[in-house]
Amino acid sequence: MNTQTGITTIFTDVGGVLLTNGWGRSNRKKAVEIFNLDPIETEERHHLTFDTYEVGKLSLDEYLGRVIFYKERTFSVNDFRGFMFEQSQPYPEMIDLMSSLKKKYSLKIAVVNNEGRELNDYRIKKFKLDSFVDFFISSSFVHFRKPDADIFKLALDVAQVPINEIVYIDDRSLFVQVAEGLGLKGIVHTDIESTVEKLKILGLE
């Protein structure tokens, strides 16, 4: 525990903080170019379907069936899945920061993120997030997704830590505001330097 401020726990997002986004706009734009997809139809089908995938009500293959493979393609489902997984890259300095803070202050670290199950499982294992994260409150596991406040309430129930001992880090200001509305301290992550400074203010150096 950090005896200076009483911070015992970090809640963090994954995409945009610890890793690149799993399946963001730039990834989809790249897919459209590489696989010669219709950009407007692909994006529309994605937006109509992706939330259902993220809350764990569709498998990745079902999502792809609705968005990509609703008609014959010259490439396979495995080709496209492989491309999706390859888009994930780590932010090593942020992973090192979380790991070192955990060790230094005996912190509890939890992920609170929106992610479809297959992408989430791949990213956890590929980048060994479970080596420093104590538990994962992922949308596809719990069937809530941010900005629904219930995903944070569930994380609080699992953490069993007083709310004033928790700081939440996310690259999306809306999600941070929702967490702050429940009483958590919040940090909007834009880059490692500013996040390090904000954590210092909370006594986590």
N, C-alpha and C. Protein backbone atom coordinates (compact mmCIF):
# COMPACT_ATOMS: atom_id res chain seq x y z
N MET A 1 0.84 -1.21 0.00
CA MET A 1 0.00 0.00 0.00
C MET A 1 0.87 1.25 0.00
N ASN A 2 0.43 2.30 -0.68
CA ASN A 2 1.10 3.59 -0.66
C ASN A 2 0.66 4.34 0.60
N THR A 3 1.54 4.43 1.56
CA THR A 3 1.15 5.02 2.84
C THR A 3 0.96 6.53 2.75
N GLN A 4 1.52 7.16 1.70
CA GLN A 4 1.40 8.61 1.59
C GLN A 4 -0.03 9.03 1.24
N THR A 5 -0.65 8.36 0.28
CA THR A 5 -1.98 8.78 -0.16
C THR A 5 -3.03 7.71 0.06
N GLY A 6 -2.63 6.50 0.37
CA GLY A 6 -3.61 5.44 0.56
C GLY A 6 -4.07 4.79 -0.73
N ILE A 7 -3.40 5.04 -1.86
CA ILE A 7 -3.75 4.37 -3.12
C ILE A 7 -3.29 2.91 -3.03
N THR A 8 -4.23 2.01 -3.15
CA THR A 8 -3.89 0.59 -3.08
C THR A 8 -4.15 -0.15 -4.40
N THR A 9 -4.89 0.51 -5.30
CA THR A 9 -5.39 -0.21 -6.48
C THR A 9 -5.40 0.69 -7.71
N ILE A 10 -4.97 0.12 -8.84
CA ILE A 10 -5.11 0.78 -10.14
C ILE A 10 -6.09 -0.01 -10.99
N PHE A 11 -7.11 0.66 -11.48
CA PHE A 11 -7.96 0.12 -12.54
C PHE A 11 -7.43 0.73 -13.85
N THR A 12 -7.25 -0.07 -14.88
CA THR A 12 -6.74 0.47 -16.14
C THR A 12 -7.46 -0.12 -17.34
N ASP A 13 -7.57 0.70 -18.38
CA ASP A 13 -8.00 0.20 -19.68
C ASP A 13 -6.81 -0.51 -20.32
N VAL A 14 -7.04 -1.19 -21.45
CA VAL A 14 -5.95 -1.85 -22.18
C VAL A 14 -5.66 -1.10 -23.48
N GLY A 15 -6.63 -1.07 -24.40
CA GLY A 15 -6.41 -0.41 -25.68
C GLY A 15 -6.20 1.08 -25.52
N GLY A 16 -5.07 1.57 -26.04
CA GLY A 16 -4.74 2.98 -25.90
C GLY A 16 -3.94 3.31 -24.66
N VAL A 17 -3.78 2.31 -23.77
CA VAL A 17 -3.00 2.51 -22.53
C VAL A 17 -1.85 1.51 -22.46
N LEU A 18 -2.17 0.23 -22.37
CA LEU A 18 -1.13 -0.81 -22.29
C LEU A 18 -0.76 -1.36 -23.66
N LEU A 19 -1.74 -1.40 -24.55
CA LEU A 19 -1.55 -1.90 -25.91
C LEU A 19 -2.23 -0.95 -26.88
N THR A 20 -1.93 -1.13 -28.18
CA THR A 20 -2.71 -0.43 -29.19
C THR A 20 -4.15 -0.93 -29.14
N ASN A 21 -5.06 -0.23 -29.77
CA ASN A 21 -6.44 -0.69 -29.83
C ASN A 21 -6.51 -2.02 -30.54
N GLY A 22 -7.41 -2.88 -30.07
CA GLY A 22 -7.52 -4.22 -30.65
C GLY A 22 -8.12 -4.21 -32.05
N TRP A 23 -9.15 -3.39 -32.25
CA TRP A 23 -9.82 -3.36 -33.55
C TRP A 23 -10.43 -1.97 -33.74
N GLY A 24 -9.55 -0.97 -33.81
CA GLY A 24 -9.98 0.42 -33.90
C GLY A 24 -10.18 0.87 -35.34
N ARG A 25 -10.51 2.14 -35.48
CA ARG A 25 -10.81 2.72 -36.80
C ARG A 25 -9.65 2.56 -37.77
N SER A 26 -8.43 2.82 -37.30
CA SER A 26 -7.27 2.74 -38.20
C SER A 26 -7.03 1.29 -38.64
N ASN A 27 -7.29 0.33 -37.75
CA ASN A 27 -7.15 -1.09 -38.10
C ASN A 27 -8.15 -1.48 -39.19
N ARG A 28 -9.38 -0.99 -39.03
CA ARG A 28 -10.43 -1.33 -40.01
C ARG A 28 -10.15 -0.67 -41.35
N LYS A 29 -9.61 0.54 -41.33
CA LYS A 29 -9.26 1.23 -42.57
C LYS A 29 -8.18 0.44 -43.32
N LYS A 30 -7.21 -0.05 -42.57
CA LYS A 30 -6.16 -0.87 -43.16
C LYS A 30 -6.73 -2.16 -43.75
N ALA A 31 -7.68 -2.77 -43.04
CA ALA A 31 -8.32 -4.00 -43.53
C ALA A 31 -9.06 -3.75 -44.83
N VAL A 32 -9.76 -2.61 -44.90
CA VAL A 32 -10.50 -2.25 -46.12
C VAL A 32 -9.56 -2.19 -47.31
N GLU A 33 -8.37 -1.60 -47.10
CA GLU A 33 -7.40 -1.45 -48.19
C GLU A 33 -6.79 -2.80 -48.57
N ILE A 34 -6.37 -3.58 -47.58
CA ILE A 34 -5.68 -4.84 -47.85
C ILE A 34 -6.61 -5.88 -48.46
N PHE A 35 -7.85 -5.95 -47.95
CA PHE A 35 -8.77 -7.00 -48.39
C PHE A 35 -9.78 -6.49 -49.43
N ASN A 36 -9.59 -5.24 -49.86
CA ASN A 36 -10.43 -4.65 -50.92
C ASN A 36 -11.92 -4.71 -50.56
N LEU A 37 -12.24 -4.16 -49.39
CA LEU A 37 -13.61 -4.17 -48.89
C LEU A 37 -14.30 -2.84 -49.22
N ASP A 38 -15.61 -2.86 -49.21
CA ASP A 38 -16.38 -1.63 -49.37
C ASP A 38 -16.30 -0.85 -48.06
N PRO A 39 -15.69 0.34 -48.07
CA PRO A 39 -15.46 1.04 -46.79
C PRO A 39 -16.73 1.46 -46.07
N ILE A 40 -17.73 1.92 -46.81
CA ILE A 40 -18.96 2.42 -46.17
C ILE A 40 -19.76 1.27 -45.60
N GLU A 41 -19.95 0.23 -46.39
CA GLU A 41 -20.74 -0.91 -45.92
C GLU A 41 -20.04 -1.63 -44.76
N THR A 42 -18.73 -1.78 -44.86
CA THR A 42 -17.98 -2.45 -43.80
C THR A 42 -18.11 -1.70 -42.48
N GLU A 43 -17.96 -0.38 -42.54
CA GLU A 43 -18.03 0.42 -41.31
C GLU A 43 -19.45 0.41 -40.74
N GLU A 44 -20.44 0.48 -41.61
CA GLU A 44 -21.82 0.45 -41.12
C GLU A 44 -22.13 -0.88 -40.45
N ARG A 45 -21.75 -1.97 -41.09
CA ARG A 45 -22.00 -3.29 -40.52
C ARG A 45 -21.24 -3.46 -39.20
N HIS A 46 -20.02 -2.94 -39.16
CA HIS A 46 -19.23 -3.00 -37.92
C HIS A 46 -19.97 -2.31 -36.78
N HIS A 47 -20.41 -1.09 -37.02
CA HIS A 47 -21.05 -0.31 -35.94
C HIS A 47 -22.37 -0.92 -35.49
N LEU A 48 -23.07 -1.59 -36.40
CA LEU A 48 -24.33 -2.23 -36.03
C LEU A 48 -24.12 -3.52 -35.23
N THR A 49 -22.91 -4.06 -35.29
CA THR A 49 -22.64 -5.40 -34.75
C THR A 49 -21.65 -5.44 -33.60
N PHE A 50 -20.70 -4.50 -33.58
CA PHE A 50 -19.53 -4.66 -32.70
C PHE A 50 -19.88 -4.61 -31.23
N ASP A 51 -20.83 -3.76 -30.85
CA ASP A 51 -21.20 -3.68 -29.43
C ASP A 51 -21.68 -5.04 -28.92
N THR A 52 -22.43 -5.75 -29.77
CA THR A 52 -22.94 -7.07 -29.39
C THR A 52 -21.80 -8.06 -29.20
N TYR A 53 -20.78 -7.94 -30.04
CA TYR A 53 -19.59 -8.79 -29.89
C TYR A 53 -18.84 -8.43 -28.60
N GLU A 54 -18.70 -7.14 -28.34
CA GLU A 54 -17.93 -6.73 -27.16
C GLU A 54 -18.56 -7.14 -25.85
N VAL A 55 -19.88 -7.26 -25.82
CA VAL A 55 -20.52 -7.68 -24.56
C VAL A 55 -20.67 -9.20 -24.48
N GLY A 56 -20.01 -9.92 -25.39
CA GLY A 56 -19.94 -11.36 -25.27
C GLY A 56 -21.15 -12.12 -25.78
N LYS A 57 -21.97 -11.47 -26.62
CA LYS A 57 -23.16 -12.14 -27.13
C LYS A 57 -22.97 -12.69 -28.54
N LEU A 58 -21.81 -12.45 -29.12
CA LEU A 58 -21.42 -13.02 -30.41
C LEU A 58 -20.00 -13.54 -30.30
N SER A 59 -19.70 -14.62 -31.01
CA SER A 59 -18.30 -15.05 -31.14
C SER A 59 -17.64 -14.19 -32.22
N LEU A 60 -16.33 -14.26 -32.30
CA LEU A 60 -15.61 -13.51 -33.33
C LEU A 60 -16.04 -13.99 -34.72
N ASP A 61 -16.20 -15.28 -34.89
CA ASP A 61 -16.61 -15.80 -36.20
C ASP A 61 -18.01 -15.31 -36.57
N GLU A 62 -18.90 -15.19 -35.58
CA GLU A 62 -20.24 -14.66 -35.86
C GLU A 62 -20.17 -13.18 -36.24
N TYR A 63 -19.34 -12.42 -35.53
CA TYR A 63 -19.12 -11.02 -35.89
C TYR A 63 -18.61 -10.90 -37.32
N LEU A 64 -17.60 -11.70 -37.66
CA LEU A 64 -17.03 -11.65 -39.00
C LEU A 64 -18.04 -12.10 -40.05
N GLY A 65 -18.88 -13.05 -39.70
CA GLY A 65 -19.92 -13.49 -40.62
C GLY A 65 -20.88 -12.38 -40.98
N ARG A 66 -21.15 -11.49 -40.02
CA ARG A 66 -22.08 -10.38 -40.26
C ARG A 66 -21.40 -9.21 -40.97
N VAL A 67 -20.13 -8.99 -40.68
CA VAL A 67 -19.46 -7.78 -41.16
C VAL A 67 -18.65 -8.02 -42.44
N ILE A 68 -18.02 -9.17 -42.55
CA ILE A 68 -17.12 -9.44 -43.68
C ILE A 68 -17.62 -10.57 -44.56
N PHE A 69 -17.98 -11.69 -43.96
CA PHE A 69 -18.25 -12.91 -44.73
C PHE A 69 -19.74 -13.15 -44.95
N TYR A 70 -20.49 -12.07 -45.15
CA TYR A 70 -21.90 -12.17 -45.51
C TYR A 70 -22.03 -12.46 -47.01
N LYS A 71 -20.91 -12.42 -47.72
CA LYS A 71 -20.87 -12.83 -49.13
C LYS A 71 -19.52 -13.48 -49.42
N GLU A 72 -19.41 -14.10 -50.56
CA GLU A 72 -18.19 -14.85 -50.91
C GLU A 72 -16.99 -13.92 -50.97
N ARG A 73 -15.87 -14.38 -50.43
CA ARG A 73 -14.63 -13.60 -50.44
C ARG A 73 -13.50 -14.42 -51.06
N THR A 74 -12.46 -13.72 -51.48
CA THR A 74 -11.28 -14.41 -52.06
C THR A 74 -10.29 -14.80 -50.98
N PHE A 75 -10.59 -14.50 -49.72
CA PHE A 75 -9.72 -14.82 -48.59
C PHE A 75 -10.54 -15.57 -47.55
N SER A 76 -9.86 -16.24 -46.64
CA SER A 76 -10.56 -17.08 -45.66
C SER A 76 -10.79 -16.35 -44.33
N VAL A 77 -11.66 -16.94 -43.53
CA VAL A 77 -11.90 -16.41 -42.18
C VAL A 77 -10.59 -16.41 -41.39
N ASN A 78 -9.81 -17.46 -41.50
CA ASN A 78 -8.53 -17.53 -40.78
C ASN A 78 -7.56 -16.45 -41.23
N ASP A 79 -7.56 -16.14 -42.54
CA ASP A 79 -6.72 -15.05 -43.04
C ASP A 79 -7.09 -13.74 -42.34
N PHE A 80 -8.39 -13.49 -42.25
CA PHE A 80 -8.85 -12.22 -41.69
C PHE A 80 -8.63 -12.18 -40.18
N ARG A 81 -8.92 -13.29 -39.50
CA ARG A 81 -8.66 -13.35 -38.06
C ARG A 81 -7.19 -13.10 -37.75
N GLY A 82 -6.31 -13.72 -38.55
CA GLY A 82 -4.87 -13.53 -38.36
C GLY A 82 -4.49 -12.07 -38.50
N PHE A 83 -5.06 -11.40 -39.50
CA PHE A 83 -4.81 -9.97 -39.69
C PHE A 83 -5.27 -9.17 -38.47
N MET A 84 -6.46 -9.48 -37.96
CA MET A 84 -6.98 -8.76 -36.80
C MET A 84 -6.03 -8.88 -35.61
N PHE A 85 -5.59 -10.10 -35.32
CA PHE A 85 -4.71 -10.32 -34.17
C PHE A 85 -3.37 -9.61 -34.33
N GLU A 86 -2.88 -9.54 -35.56
CA GLU A 86 -1.58 -8.91 -35.81
C GLU A 86 -1.58 -7.41 -35.54
N GLN A 87 -2.77 -6.81 -35.48
CA GLN A 87 -2.84 -5.36 -35.27
C GLN A 87 -2.46 -4.95 -33.84
N SER A 88 -2.53 -5.89 -32.92
CA SER A 88 -2.23 -5.58 -31.51
C SER A 88 -0.73 -5.47 -31.29
N GLN A 89 -0.31 -4.33 -30.75
CA GLN A 89 1.09 -4.11 -30.40
C GLN A 89 1.16 -3.53 -28.98
N PRO A 90 2.25 -3.82 -28.26
CA PRO A 90 2.34 -3.34 -26.87
C PRO A 90 2.88 -1.92 -26.78
N TYR A 91 2.59 -1.28 -25.67
CA TYR A 91 3.29 -0.07 -25.24
C TYR A 91 4.18 -0.50 -24.08
N PRO A 92 5.40 -0.95 -24.38
CA PRO A 92 6.26 -1.56 -23.35
C PRO A 92 6.51 -0.67 -22.14
N GLU A 93 6.65 0.64 -22.36
CA GLU A 93 6.93 1.54 -21.23
C GLU A 93 5.75 1.59 -20.26
N MET A 94 4.53 1.53 -20.79
CA MET A 94 3.36 1.54 -19.90
C MET A 94 3.22 0.22 -19.16
N ILE A 95 3.50 -0.87 -19.84
CA ILE A 95 3.47 -2.19 -19.18
C ILE A 95 4.52 -2.23 -18.07
N ASP A 96 5.72 -1.73 -18.37
CA ASP A 96 6.79 -1.68 -17.35
C ASP A 96 6.40 -0.79 -16.19
N LEU A 97 5.75 0.34 -16.48
CA LEU A 97 5.32 1.27 -15.43
C LEU A 97 4.34 0.58 -14.49
N MET A 98 3.33 -0.08 -15.03
CA MET A 98 2.34 -0.76 -14.20
C MET A 98 2.99 -1.86 -13.36
N SER A 99 3.88 -2.62 -14.00
CA SER A 99 4.56 -3.71 -13.29
C SER A 99 5.41 -3.19 -12.15
N SER A 100 6.15 -2.10 -12.40
CA SER A 100 7.06 -1.58 -11.37
C SER A 100 6.29 -0.92 -10.23
N LEU A 101 5.19 -0.23 -10.55
CA LEU A 101 4.37 0.38 -9.49
C LEU A 101 3.72 -0.70 -8.63
N LYS A 102 3.28 -1.77 -9.27
CA LYS A 102 2.68 -2.88 -8.52
C LYS A 102 3.68 -3.44 -7.51
N LYS A 103 4.91 -3.64 -8.00
CA LYS A 103 5.95 -4.23 -7.15
C LYS A 103 6.34 -3.27 -6.03
N LYS A 104 6.53 -2.00 -6.38
CA LYS A 104 7.03 -1.02 -5.41
C LYS A 104 6.03 -0.76 -4.28
N TYR A 105 4.73 -0.68 -4.62
CA TYR A 105 3.72 -0.30 -3.64
C TYR A 105 2.77 -1.44 -3.26
N SER A 106 3.07 -2.66 -3.73
CA SER A 106 2.18 -3.81 -3.49
C SER A 106 0.75 -3.51 -3.90
N LEU A 107 0.61 -2.92 -5.07
CA LEU A 107 -0.71 -2.52 -5.56
C LEU A 107 -1.49 -3.71 -6.10
N LYS A 108 -2.79 -3.56 -6.07
CA LYS A 108 -3.69 -4.46 -6.78
C LYS A 108 -3.95 -3.78 -8.14
N ILE A 109 -3.85 -4.54 -9.23
CA ILE A 109 -4.10 -3.97 -10.56
C ILE A 109 -5.20 -4.75 -11.25
N ALA A 110 -6.18 -4.03 -11.75
CA ALA A 110 -7.31 -4.64 -12.45
C ALA A 110 -7.51 -3.97 -13.80
N VAL A 111 -7.85 -4.77 -14.78
CA VAL A 111 -8.23 -4.26 -16.09
C VAL A 111 -9.74 -4.09 -16.13
N VAL A 112 -10.20 -2.93 -16.59
CA VAL A 112 -11.62 -2.70 -16.86
C VAL A 112 -11.69 -2.23 -18.31
N ASN A 113 -12.11 -3.13 -19.20
CA ASN A 113 -12.02 -2.80 -20.63
C ASN A 113 -13.18 -3.34 -21.44
N ASN A 114 -13.38 -2.72 -22.60
CA ASN A 114 -14.32 -3.20 -23.60
C ASN A 114 -13.54 -4.00 -24.63
N GLU A 115 -13.83 -5.29 -24.72
CA GLU A 115 -13.09 -6.14 -25.67
C GLU A 115 -13.86 -7.42 -25.91
N GLY A 116 -13.94 -7.83 -27.18
CA GLY A 116 -14.52 -9.11 -27.52
C GLY A 116 -13.65 -10.24 -26.98
N ARG A 117 -14.25 -11.38 -26.70
CA ARG A 117 -13.56 -12.45 -25.97
C ARG A 117 -12.29 -12.94 -26.68
N GLU A 118 -12.38 -13.27 -27.96
CA GLU A 118 -11.22 -13.86 -28.63
C GLU A 118 -10.05 -12.88 -28.71
N LEU A 119 -10.34 -11.63 -29.03
CA LEU A 119 -9.29 -10.62 -29.06
C LEU A 119 -8.71 -10.41 -27.66
N ASN A 120 -9.58 -10.35 -26.68
CA ASN A 120 -9.15 -10.15 -25.30
C ASN A 120 -8.24 -11.28 -24.83
N ASP A 121 -8.68 -12.52 -25.07
CA ASP A 121 -7.88 -13.69 -24.66
C ASP A 121 -6.51 -13.68 -25.34
N TYR A 122 -6.51 -13.38 -26.63
CA TYR A 122 -5.25 -13.33 -27.39
C TYR A 122 -4.32 -12.28 -26.80
N ARG A 123 -4.83 -11.09 -26.53
CA ARG A 123 -3.99 -9.99 -26.06
C ARG A 123 -3.45 -10.25 -24.65
N ILE A 124 -4.27 -10.84 -23.80
CA ILE A 124 -3.81 -11.18 -22.44
C ILE A 124 -2.64 -12.15 -22.51
N LYS A 125 -2.79 -13.19 -23.31
CA LYS A 125 -1.74 -14.23 -23.39
C LYS A 125 -0.52 -13.76 -24.16
N LYS A 126 -0.74 -13.11 -25.30
CA LYS A 126 0.37 -12.67 -26.16
C LYS A 126 1.29 -11.71 -25.42
N PHE A 127 0.72 -10.78 -24.67
CA PHE A 127 1.52 -9.74 -24.02
C PHE A 127 1.66 -9.96 -22.52
N LYS A 128 1.26 -11.17 -22.07
CA LYS A 128 1.45 -11.59 -20.67
C LYS A 128 0.88 -10.57 -19.67
N LEU A 129 -0.28 -10.05 -19.99
CA LEU A 129 -0.89 -9.07 -19.09
C LEU A 129 -1.23 -9.68 -17.74
N ASP A 130 -1.49 -11.00 -17.74
CA ASP A 130 -1.82 -11.66 -16.48
C ASP A 130 -0.62 -11.82 -15.56
N SER A 131 0.57 -11.41 -16.03
CA SER A 131 1.75 -11.48 -15.15
C SER A 131 1.75 -10.35 -14.11
N PHE A 132 0.95 -9.29 -14.36
CA PHE A 132 0.89 -8.21 -13.37
C PHE A 132 -0.54 -7.75 -13.07
N VAL A 133 -1.51 -8.19 -13.86
CA VAL A 133 -2.91 -7.84 -13.61
C VAL A 133 -3.54 -8.91 -12.71
N ASP A 134 -4.20 -8.46 -11.65
CA ASP A 134 -4.81 -9.39 -10.69
C ASP A 134 -6.13 -9.95 -11.18
N PHE A 135 -6.94 -9.13 -11.85
CA PHE A 135 -8.18 -9.64 -12.40
C PHE A 135 -8.65 -8.76 -13.56
N PHE A 136 -9.47 -9.37 -14.43
CA PHE A 136 -9.93 -8.72 -15.65
C PHE A 136 -11.45 -8.58 -15.62
N ILE A 137 -11.92 -7.33 -15.62
CA ILE A 137 -13.35 -7.06 -15.76
C ILE A 137 -13.54 -6.59 -17.21
N SER A 138 -13.60 -7.57 -18.10
CA SER A 138 -13.71 -7.30 -19.53
C SER A 138 -15.16 -7.41 -19.96
N SER A 139 -15.57 -6.55 -20.88
CA SER A 139 -16.98 -6.49 -21.28
C SER A 139 -17.52 -7.84 -21.74
N SER A 140 -16.69 -8.60 -22.47
CA SER A 140 -17.16 -9.89 -22.98
C SER A 140 -17.28 -10.94 -21.88
N PHE A 141 -16.62 -10.71 -20.74
CA PHE A 141 -16.74 -11.63 -19.60
C PHE A 141 -17.97 -11.31 -18.76
N VAL A 142 -18.24 -10.02 -18.58
CA VAL A 142 -19.25 -9.60 -17.59
C VAL A 142 -20.55 -9.10 -18.22
N HIS A 143 -20.56 -8.93 -19.56
CA HIS A 143 -21.76 -8.53 -20.31
C HIS A 143 -22.24 -7.11 -19.99
N PHE A 144 -21.32 -6.26 -19.55
CA PHE A 144 -21.52 -4.82 -19.49
C PHE A 144 -20.37 -4.20 -20.27
N ARG A 145 -20.58 -3.02 -20.82
CA ARG A 145 -19.47 -2.33 -21.48
C ARG A 145 -19.50 -0.85 -21.10
N LYS A 146 -18.32 -0.28 -21.01
CA LYS A 146 -18.24 1.16 -20.77
C LYS A 146 -18.93 1.89 -21.93
N PRO A 147 -19.66 2.97 -21.65
CA PRO A 147 -19.71 3.76 -20.42
C PRO A 147 -20.75 3.34 -19.38
N ASP A 148 -21.29 2.14 -19.46
CA ASP A 148 -22.23 1.66 -18.43
C ASP A 148 -21.52 1.63 -17.08
N ALA A 149 -22.03 2.39 -16.14
CA ALA A 149 -21.39 2.46 -14.82
C ALA A 149 -21.36 1.11 -14.12
N ASP A 150 -22.24 0.19 -14.52
CA ASP A 150 -22.29 -1.12 -13.85
C ASP A 150 -20.99 -1.90 -13.99
N ILE A 151 -20.22 -1.67 -15.06
CA ILE A 151 -18.96 -2.40 -15.21
C ILE A 151 -17.97 -1.94 -14.15
N PHE A 152 -18.00 -0.67 -13.79
CA PHE A 152 -17.14 -0.16 -12.72
C PHE A 152 -17.62 -0.65 -11.36
N LYS A 153 -18.94 -0.68 -11.18
CA LYS A 153 -19.48 -1.16 -9.90
C LYS A 153 -19.11 -2.63 -9.67
N LEU A 154 -19.14 -3.42 -10.74
CA LEU A 154 -18.74 -4.81 -10.62
C LEU A 154 -17.25 -4.92 -10.28
N ALA A 155 -16.42 -4.09 -10.92
CA ALA A 155 -14.99 -4.09 -10.61
C ALA A 155 -14.75 -3.73 -9.15
N LEU A 156 -15.52 -2.79 -8.63
CA LEU A 156 -15.40 -2.41 -7.22
C LEU A 156 -15.79 -3.56 -6.31
N ASP A 157 -16.86 -4.26 -6.66
CA ASP A 157 -17.29 -5.41 -5.86
C ASP A 157 -16.21 -6.49 -5.83
N VAL A 158 -15.59 -6.74 -6.96
CA VAL A 158 -14.55 -7.77 -7.04
C VAL A 158 -13.29 -7.33 -6.30
N ALA A 159 -12.94 -6.06 -6.44
CA ALA A 159 -11.70 -5.55 -5.83
C ALA A 159 -11.77 -5.55 -4.30
N GLN A 160 -12.95 -5.27 -3.75
CA GLN A 160 -13.11 -5.19 -2.29
C GLN A 160 -12.11 -4.21 -1.68
N VAL A 161 -12.07 -3.02 -2.30
CA VAL A 161 -11.16 -1.95 -1.87
C VAL A 161 -11.99 -0.67 -1.73
N PRO A 162 -11.76 0.13 -0.70
CA PRO A 162 -12.48 1.40 -0.60
C PRO A 162 -12.26 2.25 -1.85
N ILE A 163 -13.31 2.91 -2.29
CA ILE A 163 -13.27 3.60 -3.58
C ILE A 163 -12.22 4.72 -3.61
N ASN A 164 -11.95 5.33 -2.46
CA ASN A 164 -10.97 6.42 -2.43
C ASN A 164 -9.53 5.93 -2.51
N GLU A 165 -9.34 4.60 -2.55
CA GLU A 165 -7.99 4.04 -2.68
C GLU A 165 -7.67 3.63 -4.12
N ILE A 166 -8.58 3.95 -5.07
CA ILE A 166 -8.45 3.47 -6.45
C ILE A 166 -8.25 4.64 -7.41
N VAL A 167 -7.33 4.45 -8.36
CA VAL A 167 -7.18 5.39 -9.48
C VAL A 167 -7.46 4.62 -10.77
N TYR A 168 -8.21 5.25 -11.67
CA TYR A 168 -8.58 4.63 -12.93
C TYR A 168 -7.91 5.36 -14.09
N ILE A 169 -7.27 4.60 -15.00
CA ILE A 169 -6.54 5.17 -16.13
C ILE A 169 -7.19 4.71 -17.44
N ASP A 170 -7.53 5.67 -18.29
CA ASP A 170 -8.15 5.35 -19.59
C ASP A 170 -7.80 6.48 -20.56
N ASP A 171 -7.71 6.14 -21.85
CA ASP A 171 -7.41 7.17 -22.84
C ASP A 171 -8.67 7.91 -23.30
N ARG A 172 -9.84 7.47 -22.87
CA ARG A 172 -11.09 8.13 -23.25
C ARG A 172 -11.64 8.92 -22.07
N SER A 173 -11.75 10.22 -22.26
CA SER A 173 -12.14 11.10 -21.15
C SER A 173 -13.55 10.79 -20.64
N LEU A 174 -14.47 10.39 -21.54
CA LEU A 174 -15.83 10.07 -21.11
C LEU A 174 -15.82 8.93 -20.09
N PHE A 175 -15.04 7.89 -20.35
CA PHE A 175 -15.01 6.75 -19.43
C PHE A 175 -14.40 7.14 -18.09
N VAL A 176 -13.40 8.01 -18.13
CA VAL A 176 -12.81 8.51 -16.88
C VAL A 176 -13.85 9.31 -16.10
N GLN A 177 -14.63 10.12 -16.80
CA GLN A 177 -15.66 10.93 -16.13
C GLN A 177 -16.72 10.05 -15.47
N VAL A 178 -17.09 8.95 -16.13
CA VAL A 178 -18.06 8.03 -15.54
C VAL A 178 -17.49 7.43 -14.25
N ALA A 179 -16.22 7.01 -14.31
CA ALA A 179 -15.58 6.45 -13.12
C ALA A 179 -15.49 7.48 -12.00
N GLU A 180 -15.13 8.71 -12.35
CA GLU A 180 -15.04 9.77 -11.34
C GLU A 180 -16.41 10.06 -10.73
N GLY A 181 -17.44 9.92 -11.53
CA GLY A 181 -18.80 10.14 -11.02
C GLY A 181 -19.18 9.16 -9.93
N LEU A 182 -18.51 7.99 -9.93
CA LEU A 182 -18.75 6.99 -8.89
C LEU A 182 -17.86 7.21 -7.67
N GLY A 183 -16.87 8.11 -7.80
CA GLY A 183 -15.98 8.39 -6.68
C GLY A 183 -14.54 7.96 -6.87
N LEU A 184 -14.21 7.33 -8.02
CA LEU A 184 -12.82 6.94 -8.27
C LEU A 184 -12.01 8.16 -8.67
N LYS A 185 -10.72 8.15 -8.37
CA LYS A 185 -9.81 9.14 -8.94
C LYS A 185 -9.55 8.74 -10.39
N GLY A 186 -9.40 9.70 -11.29
CA GLY A 186 -9.26 9.38 -12.70
C GLY A 186 -8.08 10.05 -13.36
N ILE A 187 -7.47 9.36 -14.32
CA ILE A 187 -6.40 9.91 -15.14
C ILE A 187 -6.75 9.65 -16.60
N VAL A 188 -6.82 10.72 -17.40
CA VAL A 188 -6.98 10.57 -18.84
C VAL A 188 -5.58 10.41 -19.44
N HIS A 189 -5.32 9.23 -19.98
CA HIS A 189 -3.99 8.91 -20.51
C HIS A 189 -3.85 9.44 -21.94
N THR A 190 -2.83 10.28 -22.14
CA THR A 190 -2.50 10.74 -23.50
C THR A 190 -1.10 10.29 -23.90
N ASP A 191 -0.20 10.24 -22.93
CA ASP A 191 1.16 9.75 -23.16
C ASP A 191 1.76 9.37 -21.81
N ILE A 192 2.84 8.60 -21.86
CA ILE A 192 3.41 8.08 -20.61
C ILE A 192 3.93 9.20 -19.71
N GLU A 193 4.50 10.25 -20.30
CA GLU A 193 5.09 11.32 -19.48
C GLU A 193 4.04 12.00 -18.61
N SER A 194 2.89 12.35 -19.22
CA SER A 194 1.86 13.05 -18.44
C SER A 194 1.21 12.11 -17.42
N THR A 195 1.08 10.83 -17.79
CA THR A 195 0.49 9.88 -16.83
C THR A 195 1.42 9.67 -15.65
N VAL A 196 2.72 9.59 -15.89
CA VAL A 196 3.70 9.46 -14.80
C VAL A 196 3.58 10.65 -13.85
N GLU A 197 3.45 11.87 -14.41
CA GLU A 197 3.34 13.06 -13.57
C GLU A 197 2.06 13.04 -12.74
N LYS A 198 0.95 12.61 -13.36
CA LYS A 198 -0.33 12.56 -12.63
C LYS A 198 -0.29 11.51 -11.53
N LEU A 199 0.38 10.40 -11.78
CA LEU A 199 0.51 9.37 -10.74
C LEU A 199 1.40 9.87 -9.59
N LYS A 200 2.41 10.65 -9.93
CA LYS A 200 3.28 11.23 -8.88
C LYS A 200 2.48 12.10 -7.94
N ILE A 201 1.55 12.88 -8.49
CA ILE A 201 0.72 13.74 -7.67
C ILE A 201 -0.09 12.92 -6.66
N LEU A 202 -0.44 11.69 -7.07
CA LEU A 202 -1.18 10.78 -6.18
C LEU A 202 -0.25 10.01 -5.25
N GLY A 203 1.05 10.27 -5.36
CA GLY A 203 2.02 9.62 -4.49
C GLY A 203 2.61 8.33 -5.04
N LEU A 204 2.31 8.01 -6.30
CA LEU A 204 2.85 6.81 -6.93
C LEU A 204 3.99 7.20 -7.86
N GLU A 205 5.20 7.15 -7.34
CA GLU A 205 6.37 7.60 -8.13
C GLU A 205 7.07 6.45 -8.80
